[in-house]
Amino acid sequence: MLPLLLLLFCGLLLLTWLLAPRVVPWADHLTRLHPGLRAKAEWMAPPSVVEQVVMDYQTAQEALMACAAGNWGKFAERLDAYTAGPYLSYQRKALASLVQARNPRLAAEFSAEHDLTVRHFTSDGLRCLLVDRQTKRTVTTSSYWSGRELHCQQLDDRAFVFQMAYDANDKRWKIEKLIQELPLGWGAPTKGGAINGRVQESVRLPVAAGRDD
């Protein structure tokens, strides 16, 4: 009797998952990479979704950097369009501190070469990690009001790990959280083929996917 009840319960769970509405169409097309290996297993979305994550991230960074370099009012207006959650709150607080500061108002313009990698989608397809490996980084400081360049500095290479979240209303991926800033060597394959460094990943798996033991 008990095995039969357990089987019925599992069947109901599977049916519930299959009939549950999907927020995004690619949720049913995620691929489980390295199944059965807890240390390496992750969900991956179709290539078209990965490309969209990259495009939306690049658009967000370009738009926000351009505004931050010379128009803080426009920067404040655009934050909601490109960021969400903790990252949105952080940027608002940082901007408020700059505006309220009594020091001379300065603008900073960053430039770098970017190597972008998208990984670790959640099982619902609504979040993922984006690793931005930046080289040839520079920051140019100038007077906010006159635009006169004051200083240009070279920065060390870095890798930034962002959590991206899909906004179903705006139909775009937004920067939700800066997970970590790391030395550039992070994320490179080791001799054994494993990835050096692991960040947050969802462990919520659909029933049909099984377990990674």
N, C-alpha and C. Protein backbone atom coordinates (compact mmCIF):
# COMPACT_ATOMS: atom_id res chain seq x y z
N MET A 1 0.82 -1.21 0.00
CA MET A 1 0.00 0.00 0.00
C MET A 1 0.86 1.26 0.00
N LEU A 2 1.87 1.26 0.84
CA LEU A 2 2.74 2.43 0.94
C LEU A 2 3.48 2.72 -0.36
N PRO A 3 4.06 1.69 -1.02
CA PRO A 3 4.71 1.96 -2.32
C PRO A 3 3.73 2.53 -3.34
N LEU A 4 2.48 2.06 -3.32
CA LEU A 4 1.49 2.55 -4.27
C LEU A 4 1.18 4.01 -4.02
N LEU A 5 1.02 4.40 -2.75
CA LEU A 5 0.77 5.80 -2.40
C LEU A 5 1.94 6.69 -2.80
N LEU A 6 3.16 6.18 -2.57
CA LEU A 6 4.35 6.94 -2.94
C LEU A 6 4.41 7.14 -4.45
N LEU A 7 4.06 6.09 -5.20
CA LEU A 7 4.06 6.19 -6.65
C LEU A 7 3.02 7.19 -7.14
N LEU A 8 1.83 7.17 -6.51
CA LEU A 8 0.79 8.13 -6.88
C LEU A 8 1.22 9.56 -6.57
N PHE A 9 1.88 9.73 -5.41
CA PHE A 9 2.35 11.06 -5.02
C PHE A 9 3.36 11.60 -6.02
N CYS A 10 4.33 10.75 -6.40
CA CYS A 10 5.33 11.16 -7.39
C CYS A 10 4.69 11.48 -8.73
N GLY A 11 3.67 10.68 -9.08
CA GLY A 11 2.97 10.93 -10.34
C GLY A 11 2.25 12.28 -10.33
N LEU A 12 1.65 12.62 -9.19
CA LEU A 12 0.98 13.91 -9.06
C LEU A 12 1.97 15.06 -9.16
N LEU A 13 3.15 14.89 -8.54
CA LEU A 13 4.18 15.93 -8.63
C LEU A 13 4.62 16.13 -10.06
N LEU A 14 4.82 15.05 -10.77
CA LEU A 14 5.24 15.14 -12.17
C LEU A 14 4.17 15.80 -13.02
N LEU A 15 2.90 15.43 -12.79
CA LEU A 15 1.80 16.01 -13.55
C LEU A 15 1.67 17.50 -13.27
N THR A 16 1.84 17.89 -12.00
CA THR A 16 1.78 19.30 -11.63
C THR A 16 2.85 20.09 -12.35
N TRP A 17 4.05 19.53 -12.40
CA TRP A 17 5.15 20.23 -13.07
C TRP A 17 4.90 20.35 -14.56
N LEU A 18 4.37 19.28 -15.17
CA LEU A 18 4.14 19.29 -16.61
C LEU A 18 3.04 20.28 -17.00
N LEU A 19 2.04 20.43 -16.12
CA LEU A 19 0.91 21.31 -16.43
C LEU A 19 1.12 22.74 -15.96
N ALA A 20 2.17 22.98 -15.19
CA ALA A 20 2.41 24.33 -14.67
C ALA A 20 2.72 25.29 -15.82
N PRO A 21 2.16 26.51 -15.77
CA PRO A 21 2.42 27.49 -16.83
C PRO A 21 3.88 27.92 -16.85
N ARG A 22 4.44 28.07 -18.04
CA ARG A 22 5.82 28.49 -18.21
C ARG A 22 5.87 30.00 -18.45
N VAL A 23 6.69 30.70 -17.68
CA VAL A 23 6.81 32.15 -17.85
C VAL A 23 7.52 32.46 -19.14
N VAL A 24 8.52 31.65 -19.50
CA VAL A 24 9.27 31.87 -20.73
C VAL A 24 9.24 30.59 -21.57
N PRO A 25 9.21 30.72 -22.89
CA PRO A 25 9.07 29.54 -23.74
C PRO A 25 10.27 28.60 -23.70
N TRP A 26 11.46 29.13 -23.39
CA TRP A 26 12.65 28.26 -23.40
C TRP A 26 12.78 27.42 -22.14
N ALA A 27 11.87 27.59 -21.18
CA ALA A 27 11.96 26.80 -19.95
C ALA A 27 11.84 25.30 -20.23
N ASP A 28 11.12 24.95 -21.30
CA ASP A 28 10.95 23.54 -21.66
C ASP A 28 12.07 23.02 -22.56
N HIS A 29 13.02 23.89 -22.88
CA HIS A 29 14.08 23.51 -23.81
C HIS A 29 15.47 23.65 -23.18
N LEU A 30 15.53 23.67 -21.86
CA LEU A 30 16.82 23.72 -21.19
C LEU A 30 17.51 22.37 -21.29
N THR A 31 18.81 22.40 -21.41
CA THR A 31 19.61 21.18 -21.49
C THR A 31 20.40 21.02 -20.20
N ARG A 32 20.39 19.81 -19.66
CA ARG A 32 21.15 19.53 -18.44
C ARG A 32 22.56 19.08 -18.83
N LEU A 33 23.55 19.88 -18.52
CA LEU A 33 24.93 19.54 -18.82
C LEU A 33 25.54 18.74 -17.67
N HIS A 34 26.30 17.74 -17.98
CA HIS A 34 26.97 16.89 -16.99
C HIS A 34 25.97 16.33 -15.96
N PRO A 35 24.87 15.74 -16.40
CA PRO A 35 23.90 15.20 -15.43
C PRO A 35 24.52 14.10 -14.58
N GLY A 36 24.11 14.09 -13.32
CA GLY A 36 24.62 13.09 -12.40
C GLY A 36 25.87 13.49 -11.66
N LEU A 37 26.49 14.61 -12.08
CA LEU A 37 27.71 15.09 -11.43
C LEU A 37 27.39 16.39 -10.71
N ARG A 38 27.21 16.29 -9.41
CA ARG A 38 26.75 17.46 -8.66
C ARG A 38 27.71 18.64 -8.78
N ALA A 39 29.01 18.38 -8.84
CA ALA A 39 30.00 19.46 -8.87
C ALA A 39 30.05 20.17 -10.22
N LYS A 40 29.52 19.53 -11.28
CA LYS A 40 29.64 20.11 -12.62
C LYS A 40 28.29 20.34 -13.29
N ALA A 41 27.22 19.71 -12.80
CA ALA A 41 25.93 19.78 -13.48
C ALA A 41 25.39 21.21 -13.49
N GLU A 42 24.77 21.58 -14.61
CA GLU A 42 24.16 22.90 -14.73
C GLU A 42 23.15 22.88 -15.86
N TRP A 43 22.20 23.82 -15.79
CA TRP A 43 21.22 23.97 -16.86
C TRP A 43 21.76 24.96 -17.90
N MET A 44 21.47 24.68 -19.17
CA MET A 44 21.89 25.59 -20.24
C MET A 44 20.72 25.83 -21.18
N ALA A 45 20.54 27.07 -21.58
CA ALA A 45 19.45 27.45 -22.47
C ALA A 45 19.89 27.33 -23.93
N PRO A 46 18.94 27.36 -24.87
CA PRO A 46 19.28 27.31 -26.29
C PRO A 46 20.18 28.48 -26.68
N PRO A 47 20.97 28.32 -27.75
CA PRO A 47 21.91 29.38 -28.19
C PRO A 47 21.24 30.73 -28.40
N SER A 48 20.01 30.75 -28.93
CA SER A 48 19.35 32.03 -29.17
C SER A 48 19.11 32.79 -27.88
N VAL A 49 18.81 32.08 -26.79
CA VAL A 49 18.59 32.71 -25.50
C VAL A 49 19.91 33.24 -24.94
N VAL A 50 20.97 32.44 -25.07
CA VAL A 50 22.30 32.87 -24.62
C VAL A 50 22.72 34.15 -25.35
N GLU A 51 22.47 34.20 -26.65
CA GLU A 51 22.81 35.40 -27.44
C GLU A 51 22.02 36.61 -26.95
N GLN A 52 20.76 36.40 -26.59
CA GLN A 52 19.94 37.51 -26.10
C GLN A 52 20.44 38.02 -24.76
N VAL A 53 20.88 37.11 -23.90
CA VAL A 53 21.45 37.53 -22.61
C VAL A 53 22.66 38.42 -22.85
N VAL A 54 23.53 38.01 -23.74
CA VAL A 54 24.74 38.78 -24.04
C VAL A 54 24.39 40.14 -24.62
N MET A 55 23.46 40.17 -25.57
CA MET A 55 23.07 41.43 -26.21
C MET A 55 22.45 42.40 -25.20
N ASP A 56 21.58 41.90 -24.33
CA ASP A 56 20.93 42.77 -23.35
C ASP A 56 21.95 43.27 -22.33
N TYR A 57 22.91 42.45 -21.97
CA TYR A 57 23.96 42.88 -21.04
C TYR A 57 24.81 43.97 -21.67
N GLN A 58 25.21 43.77 -22.91
CA GLN A 58 26.03 44.78 -23.60
C GLN A 58 25.27 46.09 -23.75
N THR A 59 24.01 46.00 -24.11
CA THR A 59 23.18 47.21 -24.25
C THR A 59 23.07 47.95 -22.93
N ALA A 60 22.87 47.19 -21.86
CA ALA A 60 22.75 47.81 -20.53
C ALA A 60 24.04 48.52 -20.13
N GLN A 61 25.16 47.85 -20.30
CA GLN A 61 26.44 48.44 -19.90
C GLN A 61 26.76 49.68 -20.73
N GLU A 62 26.53 49.61 -22.03
CA GLU A 62 26.83 50.75 -22.90
C GLU A 62 25.95 51.95 -22.56
N ALA A 63 24.66 51.69 -22.34
CA ALA A 63 23.74 52.79 -22.04
C ALA A 63 24.04 53.42 -20.69
N LEU A 64 24.26 52.61 -19.68
CA LEU A 64 24.50 53.13 -18.34
C LEU A 64 25.86 53.83 -18.25
N MET A 65 26.88 53.27 -18.90
CA MET A 65 28.19 53.90 -18.89
C MET A 65 28.16 55.27 -19.56
N ALA A 66 27.43 55.35 -20.68
CA ALA A 66 27.34 56.62 -21.40
C ALA A 66 26.66 57.69 -20.55
N CYS A 67 25.60 57.31 -19.85
CA CYS A 67 24.89 58.26 -18.99
C CYS A 67 25.73 58.64 -17.77
N ALA A 68 26.39 57.64 -17.18
CA ALA A 68 27.19 57.91 -15.98
C ALA A 68 28.34 58.86 -16.27
N ALA A 69 28.81 58.85 -17.51
CA ALA A 69 29.95 59.69 -17.86
C ALA A 69 29.58 61.16 -18.03
N GLY A 70 28.29 61.47 -18.18
CA GLY A 70 27.99 62.88 -18.40
C GLY A 70 26.56 63.32 -18.17
N ASN A 71 25.67 62.40 -17.79
CA ASN A 71 24.28 62.79 -17.57
C ASN A 71 23.67 61.91 -16.49
N TRP A 72 23.86 62.31 -15.24
CA TRP A 72 23.40 61.50 -14.12
C TRP A 72 21.88 61.44 -14.04
N GLY A 73 21.20 62.48 -14.52
CA GLY A 73 19.74 62.45 -14.52
C GLY A 73 19.21 61.37 -15.44
N LYS A 74 19.80 61.27 -16.63
CA LYS A 74 19.41 60.23 -17.57
C LYS A 74 19.78 58.85 -17.05
N PHE A 75 20.92 58.80 -16.34
CA PHE A 75 21.36 57.54 -15.73
C PHE A 75 20.30 57.04 -14.76
N ALA A 76 19.79 57.95 -13.93
CA ALA A 76 18.76 57.57 -12.95
C ALA A 76 17.49 57.10 -13.64
N GLU A 77 17.13 57.76 -14.74
CA GLU A 77 15.91 57.39 -15.46
C GLU A 77 16.01 56.01 -16.10
N ARG A 78 17.21 55.64 -16.53
CA ARG A 78 17.39 54.39 -17.27
C ARG A 78 17.69 53.18 -16.40
N LEU A 79 17.94 53.40 -15.13
CA LEU A 79 18.31 52.28 -14.27
C LEU A 79 17.27 51.16 -14.28
N ASP A 80 15.98 51.53 -14.20
CA ASP A 80 14.92 50.52 -14.18
C ASP A 80 14.87 49.70 -15.46
N ALA A 81 15.30 50.29 -16.56
CA ALA A 81 15.21 49.60 -17.85
C ALA A 81 16.27 48.52 -18.00
N TYR A 82 17.37 48.65 -17.26
CA TYR A 82 18.50 47.74 -17.48
C TYR A 82 18.93 46.95 -16.25
N THR A 83 18.45 47.33 -15.06
CA THR A 83 18.87 46.65 -13.84
C THR A 83 17.65 46.28 -13.00
N ALA A 84 17.86 45.38 -12.05
CA ALA A 84 16.77 44.94 -11.18
C ALA A 84 17.33 44.51 -9.84
N GLY A 85 16.44 44.35 -8.86
CA GLY A 85 16.81 43.78 -7.57
C GLY A 85 17.94 44.50 -6.86
N PRO A 86 18.86 43.73 -6.27
CA PRO A 86 19.96 44.31 -5.48
C PRO A 86 20.85 45.25 -6.28
N TYR A 87 21.07 44.94 -7.56
CA TYR A 87 21.95 45.80 -8.36
C TYR A 87 21.30 47.15 -8.62
N LEU A 88 20.00 47.17 -8.83
CA LEU A 88 19.27 48.42 -9.00
C LEU A 88 19.36 49.26 -7.73
N SER A 89 19.15 48.64 -6.57
CA SER A 89 19.23 49.35 -5.29
C SER A 89 20.63 49.91 -5.06
N TYR A 90 21.64 49.10 -5.36
CA TYR A 90 23.03 49.53 -5.16
C TYR A 90 23.35 50.75 -6.04
N GLN A 91 22.94 50.70 -7.30
CA GLN A 91 23.24 51.81 -8.21
C GLN A 91 22.52 53.09 -7.78
N ARG A 92 21.31 52.96 -7.28
CA ARG A 92 20.57 54.13 -6.81
C ARG A 92 21.26 54.78 -5.62
N LYS A 93 21.73 53.95 -4.68
CA LYS A 93 22.43 54.47 -3.51
C LYS A 93 23.75 55.11 -3.89
N ALA A 94 24.47 54.48 -4.81
CA ALA A 94 25.75 55.03 -5.25
C ALA A 94 25.55 56.38 -5.94
N LEU A 95 24.51 56.48 -6.77
CA LEU A 95 24.23 57.74 -7.46
C LEU A 95 23.83 58.83 -6.47
N ALA A 96 23.01 58.46 -5.48
CA ALA A 96 22.60 59.44 -4.47
C ALA A 96 23.81 59.97 -3.70
N SER A 97 24.76 59.10 -3.40
CA SER A 97 25.97 59.53 -2.69
C SER A 97 26.78 60.51 -3.53
N LEU A 98 26.87 60.26 -4.82
CA LEU A 98 27.61 61.15 -5.71
C LEU A 98 26.94 62.52 -5.82
N VAL A 99 25.62 62.50 -5.95
CA VAL A 99 24.88 63.75 -6.12
C VAL A 99 24.95 64.60 -4.85
N GLN A 100 24.92 63.96 -3.68
CA GLN A 100 24.90 64.68 -2.42
C GLN A 100 26.28 65.06 -1.90
N ALA A 101 27.31 64.52 -2.53
CA ALA A 101 28.68 64.81 -2.07
C ALA A 101 29.02 66.28 -2.27
N ARG A 102 29.81 66.82 -1.35
CA ARG A 102 30.20 68.23 -1.42
C ARG A 102 31.48 68.44 -2.22
N ASN A 103 32.12 67.36 -2.58
CA ASN A 103 33.34 67.47 -3.38
C ASN A 103 33.01 67.90 -4.80
N PRO A 104 34.01 68.38 -5.56
CA PRO A 104 33.77 68.72 -6.97
C PRO A 104 33.20 67.53 -7.72
N ARG A 105 32.22 67.79 -8.55
CA ARG A 105 31.54 66.70 -9.25
C ARG A 105 32.40 66.21 -10.41
N LEU A 106 32.70 64.91 -10.39
CA LEU A 106 33.53 64.30 -11.42
C LEU A 106 32.76 63.20 -12.13
N ALA A 107 33.09 62.99 -13.38
CA ALA A 107 32.50 61.91 -14.17
C ALA A 107 33.60 60.92 -14.53
N ALA A 108 33.24 59.66 -14.60
CA ALA A 108 34.21 58.62 -14.91
C ALA A 108 33.72 57.81 -16.11
N GLU A 109 34.62 57.60 -17.06
CA GLU A 109 34.29 56.81 -18.24
C GLU A 109 35.21 55.59 -18.30
N PHE A 110 34.62 54.41 -18.30
CA PHE A 110 35.38 53.16 -18.31
C PHE A 110 35.39 52.56 -19.72
N SER A 111 36.51 51.95 -20.05
CA SER A 111 36.59 51.22 -21.32
C SER A 111 37.37 49.94 -21.11
N ALA A 112 37.04 48.91 -21.88
CA ALA A 112 37.70 47.61 -21.75
C ALA A 112 37.31 46.74 -22.91
N GLU A 113 38.09 45.67 -23.09
CA GLU A 113 37.71 44.62 -24.03
C GLU A 113 37.03 43.52 -23.23
N HIS A 114 35.90 43.02 -23.74
CA HIS A 114 35.06 42.10 -22.99
C HIS A 114 35.02 40.72 -23.64
N ASP A 115 35.15 39.71 -22.81
CA ASP A 115 34.94 38.33 -23.23
C ASP A 115 33.82 37.77 -22.36
N LEU A 116 32.65 37.54 -22.95
CA LEU A 116 31.46 37.22 -22.19
C LEU A 116 31.09 35.74 -22.30
N THR A 117 30.73 35.16 -21.16
CA THR A 117 30.30 33.76 -21.10
C THR A 117 29.02 33.67 -20.27
N VAL A 118 28.04 32.95 -20.76
CA VAL A 118 26.77 32.76 -20.05
C VAL A 118 26.67 31.31 -19.60
N ARG A 119 26.33 31.10 -18.33
CA ARG A 119 26.27 29.75 -17.76
C ARG A 119 25.21 29.68 -16.66
N HIS A 120 24.99 28.47 -16.16
CA HIS A 120 24.21 28.21 -14.95
C HIS A 120 22.82 28.86 -14.96
N PHE A 121 21.98 28.47 -15.90
CA PHE A 121 20.59 28.92 -15.87
C PHE A 121 19.86 28.23 -14.73
N THR A 122 18.89 28.91 -14.16
CA THR A 122 18.02 28.26 -13.17
C THR A 122 17.05 27.35 -13.92
N SER A 123 16.45 26.42 -13.20
CA SER A 123 15.60 25.42 -13.84
C SER A 123 14.34 26.02 -14.46
N ASP A 124 13.96 27.24 -14.04
CA ASP A 124 12.80 27.89 -14.66
C ASP A 124 13.21 28.78 -15.83
N GLY A 125 14.52 28.89 -16.09
CA GLY A 125 15.00 29.68 -17.22
C GLY A 125 14.97 31.17 -17.03
N LEU A 126 14.69 31.64 -15.83
CA LEU A 126 14.53 33.07 -15.59
C LEU A 126 15.80 33.77 -15.12
N ARG A 127 16.80 33.01 -14.73
CA ARG A 127 18.04 33.62 -14.25
C ARG A 127 19.24 32.82 -14.77
N CYS A 128 20.37 33.49 -14.82
CA CYS A 128 21.60 32.83 -15.23
C CYS A 128 22.78 33.66 -14.75
N LEU A 129 23.96 33.11 -14.90
CA LEU A 129 25.18 33.85 -14.57
C LEU A 129 25.87 34.28 -15.86
N LEU A 130 26.39 35.49 -15.85
CA LEU A 130 27.19 36.00 -16.96
C LEU A 130 28.55 36.39 -16.43
N VAL A 131 29.60 35.81 -17.01
CA VAL A 131 30.97 36.13 -16.62
C VAL A 131 31.54 37.11 -17.66
N ASP A 132 31.95 38.26 -17.20
CA ASP A 132 32.52 39.30 -18.05
C ASP A 132 34.01 39.41 -17.75
N ARG A 133 34.83 38.83 -18.61
CA ARG A 133 36.28 38.92 -18.45
C ARG A 133 36.76 40.16 -19.18
N GLN A 134 37.30 41.11 -18.44
CA GLN A 134 37.68 42.39 -19.00
C GLN A 134 39.20 42.55 -19.04
N THR A 135 39.71 42.95 -20.20
CA THR A 135 41.13 43.24 -20.36
C THR A 135 41.29 44.65 -20.95
N LYS A 136 42.51 45.17 -20.87
CA LYS A 136 42.82 46.51 -21.36
C LYS A 136 41.85 47.54 -20.77
N ARG A 137 41.69 47.47 -19.47
CA ARG A 137 40.74 48.34 -18.78
C ARG A 137 41.36 49.70 -18.47
N THR A 138 40.62 50.76 -18.74
CA THR A 138 41.05 52.12 -18.41
C THR A 138 39.86 52.89 -17.85
N VAL A 139 40.15 53.89 -17.04
CA VAL A 139 39.12 54.79 -16.56
C VAL A 139 39.61 56.21 -16.77
N THR A 140 38.78 57.03 -17.36
CA THR A 140 39.10 58.43 -17.63
C THR A 140 38.22 59.30 -16.75
N THR A 141 38.85 60.11 -15.92
CA THR A 141 38.13 61.01 -15.02
C THR A 141 38.11 62.40 -15.63
N SER A 142 36.95 63.05 -15.60
CA SER A 142 36.81 64.39 -16.17
C SER A 142 35.87 65.22 -15.32
N SER A 143 35.90 66.52 -15.55
CA SER A 143 34.98 67.42 -14.86
C SER A 143 33.57 67.17 -15.38
N TYR A 144 32.62 66.99 -14.46
CA TYR A 144 31.26 66.67 -14.87
C TYR A 144 30.65 67.80 -15.68
N TRP A 145 30.91 69.05 -15.29
CA TRP A 145 30.25 70.19 -15.92
C TRP A 145 30.94 70.63 -17.21
N SER A 146 32.25 70.67 -17.20
CA SER A 146 32.96 71.16 -18.39
C SER A 146 33.36 70.05 -19.35
N GLY A 147 33.45 68.82 -18.84
CA GLY A 147 33.89 67.72 -19.68
C GLY A 147 35.39 67.66 -19.86
N ARG A 148 36.13 68.54 -19.19
CA ARG A 148 37.59 68.58 -19.34
C ARG A 148 38.21 67.35 -18.71
N GLU A 149 39.04 66.65 -19.47
CA GLU A 149 39.68 65.44 -18.97
C GLU A 149 40.73 65.79 -17.93
N LEU A 150 40.67 65.08 -16.81
CA LEU A 150 41.59 65.35 -15.71
C LEU A 150 42.63 64.25 -15.52
N HIS A 151 42.24 63.02 -15.76
CA HIS A 151 43.17 61.92 -15.47
C HIS A 151 42.72 60.67 -16.20
N CYS A 152 43.69 59.89 -16.68
CA CYS A 152 43.41 58.61 -17.32
C CYS A 152 44.30 57.54 -16.66
N GLN A 153 43.69 56.46 -16.23
CA GLN A 153 44.41 55.44 -15.48
C GLN A 153 44.14 54.05 -16.05
N GLN A 154 45.17 53.24 -16.11
CA GLN A 154 45.01 51.85 -16.51
C GLN A 154 44.66 51.01 -15.29
N LEU A 155 43.75 50.05 -15.47
CA LEU A 155 43.29 49.19 -14.39
C LEU A 155 43.71 47.75 -14.66
N ASP A 156 43.81 46.98 -13.59
CA ASP A 156 44.15 45.57 -13.73
C ASP A 156 43.01 44.81 -14.41
N ASP A 157 43.36 43.74 -15.11
CA ASP A 157 42.35 42.88 -15.73
C ASP A 157 41.52 42.22 -14.63
N ARG A 158 40.23 42.06 -14.91
CA ARG A 158 39.33 41.48 -13.92
C ARG A 158 38.25 40.64 -14.61
N ALA A 159 37.66 39.75 -13.83
CA ALA A 159 36.49 39.00 -14.26
C ALA A 159 35.35 39.33 -13.31
N PHE A 160 34.21 39.73 -13.86
CA PHE A 160 33.04 40.07 -13.07
C PHE A 160 31.94 39.04 -13.32
N VAL A 161 31.37 38.53 -12.25
CA VAL A 161 30.30 37.54 -12.36
C VAL A 161 28.98 38.22 -11.98
N PHE A 162 28.09 38.33 -12.96
CA PHE A 162 26.80 38.97 -12.75
C PHE A 162 25.68 37.93 -12.79
N GLN A 163 24.67 38.15 -11.98
CA GLN A 163 23.44 37.37 -12.09
C GLN A 163 22.47 38.16 -12.96
N MET A 164 22.01 37.56 -14.02
CA MET A 164 21.06 38.19 -14.93
C MET A 164 19.67 37.63 -14.67
N ALA A 165 18.66 38.48 -14.73
CA ALA A 165 17.27 38.05 -14.50
C ALA A 165 16.41 38.52 -15.67
N TYR A 166 15.53 37.64 -16.12
CA TYR A 166 14.66 37.99 -17.24
C TYR A 166 13.41 38.69 -16.73
N ASP A 167 13.12 39.86 -17.30
CA ASP A 167 11.93 40.62 -16.97
C ASP A 167 10.87 40.33 -18.03
N ALA A 168 9.85 39.56 -17.66
CA ALA A 168 8.84 39.15 -18.63
C ALA A 168 8.01 40.33 -19.13
N ASN A 169 7.87 41.37 -18.33
CA ASN A 169 7.10 42.54 -18.74
C ASN A 169 7.86 43.37 -19.77
N ASP A 170 9.15 43.62 -19.50
CA ASP A 170 9.97 44.39 -20.43
C ASP A 170 10.57 43.54 -21.55
N LYS A 171 10.45 42.20 -21.39
CA LYS A 171 10.97 41.26 -22.38
C LYS A 171 12.47 41.49 -22.64
N ARG A 172 13.22 41.56 -21.56
CA ARG A 172 14.66 41.72 -21.69
C ARG A 172 15.34 41.19 -20.43
N TRP A 173 16.61 40.84 -20.59
CA TRP A 173 17.42 40.41 -19.46
C TRP A 173 18.01 41.64 -18.79
N LYS A 174 17.99 41.63 -17.45
CA LYS A 174 18.51 42.76 -16.69
C LYS A 174 19.59 42.30 -15.71
N ILE A 175 20.50 43.20 -15.40
CA ILE A 175 21.55 42.90 -14.42
C ILE A 175 20.90 42.96 -13.04
N GLU A 176 20.90 41.82 -12.34
CA GLU A 176 20.22 41.76 -11.05
C GLU A 176 21.19 41.82 -9.87
N LYS A 177 22.39 41.31 -10.05
CA LYS A 177 23.31 41.26 -8.92
C LYS A 177 24.74 41.09 -9.42
N LEU A 178 25.67 41.78 -8.77
CA LEU A 178 27.09 41.52 -8.98
C LEU A 178 27.48 40.46 -7.96
N ILE A 179 27.71 39.24 -8.45
CA ILE A 179 28.01 38.13 -7.55
C ILE A 179 29.42 38.26 -6.98
N GLN A 180 30.37 38.55 -7.87
CA GLN A 180 31.76 38.56 -7.43
C GLN A 180 32.65 39.25 -8.45
N GLU A 181 33.71 39.87 -7.96
CA GLU A 181 34.77 40.41 -8.81
C GLU A 181 36.02 39.58 -8.53
N LEU A 182 36.61 39.03 -9.59
CA LEU A 182 37.66 38.05 -9.42
C LEU A 182 38.87 38.35 -10.29
N PRO A 183 40.03 37.79 -9.94
CA PRO A 183 41.19 37.89 -10.84
C PRO A 183 40.84 37.26 -12.18
N LEU A 184 41.48 37.71 -13.23
CA LEU A 184 41.10 37.29 -14.57
C LEU A 184 41.20 35.80 -14.78
N GLY A 185 42.06 35.10 -14.06
CA GLY A 185 42.23 33.67 -14.25
C GLY A 185 41.06 32.83 -13.81
N TRP A 186 40.09 33.45 -13.09
CA TRP A 186 38.94 32.68 -12.62
C TRP A 186 38.12 32.18 -13.80
N GLY A 187 37.63 30.97 -13.66
CA GLY A 187 36.74 30.44 -14.68
C GLY A 187 37.46 29.72 -15.80
N ALA A 188 38.79 29.74 -15.81
CA ALA A 188 39.53 29.04 -16.86
C ALA A 188 39.58 27.55 -16.55
N PRO A 189 39.50 26.70 -17.58
CA PRO A 189 39.56 25.25 -17.34
C PRO A 189 40.89 24.83 -16.75
N THR A 190 40.88 23.93 -15.79
CA THR A 190 42.10 23.40 -15.21
C THR A 190 42.60 22.25 -16.07
N LYS A 191 43.72 21.66 -15.69
CA LYS A 191 44.28 20.56 -16.46
C LYS A 191 43.33 19.38 -16.54
N GLY A 192 42.56 19.18 -15.50
CA GLY A 192 41.62 18.06 -15.50
C GLY A 192 40.33 18.34 -16.24
N GLY A 193 40.20 19.59 -16.76
CA GLY A 193 39.01 19.94 -17.52
C GLY A 193 37.93 20.60 -16.68
N ALA A 194 38.11 20.62 -15.37
CA ALA A 194 37.10 21.25 -14.51
C ALA A 194 37.24 22.77 -14.57
N ILE A 195 36.15 23.45 -14.24
CA ILE A 195 36.17 24.90 -14.23
C ILE A 195 36.69 25.39 -12.89
N ASN A 196 37.66 26.30 -12.94
CA ASN A 196 38.27 26.83 -11.72
C ASN A 196 37.38 27.90 -11.13
N GLY A 197 36.62 27.54 -10.12
CA GLY A 197 35.75 28.52 -9.46
C GLY A 197 34.29 28.24 -9.75
N ARG A 198 33.50 28.17 -8.72
CA ARG A 198 32.07 27.89 -8.87
C ARG A 198 31.30 28.92 -8.07
N VAL A 199 30.25 29.44 -8.68
CA VAL A 199 29.46 30.46 -8.03
C VAL A 199 28.06 29.91 -7.81
N GLN A 200 27.12 30.75 -7.40
CA GLN A 200 25.77 30.30 -7.10
C GLN A 200 25.13 29.63 -8.31
N GLU A 201 24.38 28.60 -8.04
CA GLU A 201 23.61 27.96 -9.10
C GLU A 201 22.35 27.38 -8.48
N SER A 202 21.29 27.37 -9.25
CA SER A 202 20.03 26.85 -8.73
C SER A 202 20.10 25.34 -8.56
N VAL A 203 19.50 24.84 -7.50
CA VAL A 203 19.41 23.40 -7.31
C VAL A 203 17.96 22.95 -7.44
N ARG A 204 17.09 23.83 -7.91
CA ARG A 204 15.69 23.47 -8.10
C ARG A 204 15.55 22.79 -9.46
N LEU A 205 15.35 21.51 -9.46
CA LEU A 205 15.26 20.76 -10.70
C LEU A 205 13.85 20.26 -10.91
N PRO A 206 13.40 20.23 -12.17
CA PRO A 206 12.10 19.60 -12.43
C PRO A 206 12.16 18.13 -12.04
N VAL A 207 11.03 17.57 -11.65
CA VAL A 207 11.01 16.18 -11.20
C VAL A 207 11.56 15.23 -12.27
N ALA A 208 11.25 15.53 -13.53
CA ALA A 208 11.67 14.65 -14.61
C ALA A 208 13.17 14.62 -14.81
N ALA A 209 13.88 15.62 -14.27
CA ALA A 209 15.32 15.70 -14.50
C ALA A 209 16.09 14.75 -13.60
N GLY A 210 15.47 14.31 -12.52
CA GLY A 210 16.16 13.41 -11.60
C GLY A 210 17.09 14.18 -10.69
N ARG A 211 18.00 13.43 -10.04
CA ARG A 211 18.92 14.04 -9.07
C ARG A 211 20.34 13.85 -9.53
N ASP A 212 21.21 14.77 -9.07
CA ASP A 212 22.64 14.66 -9.33
C ASP A 212 23.30 14.21 -8.07
N ASP A 213 23.56 12.92 -7.92
CA ASP A 213 24.16 12.37 -6.72
C ASP A 213 25.64 12.08 -6.95
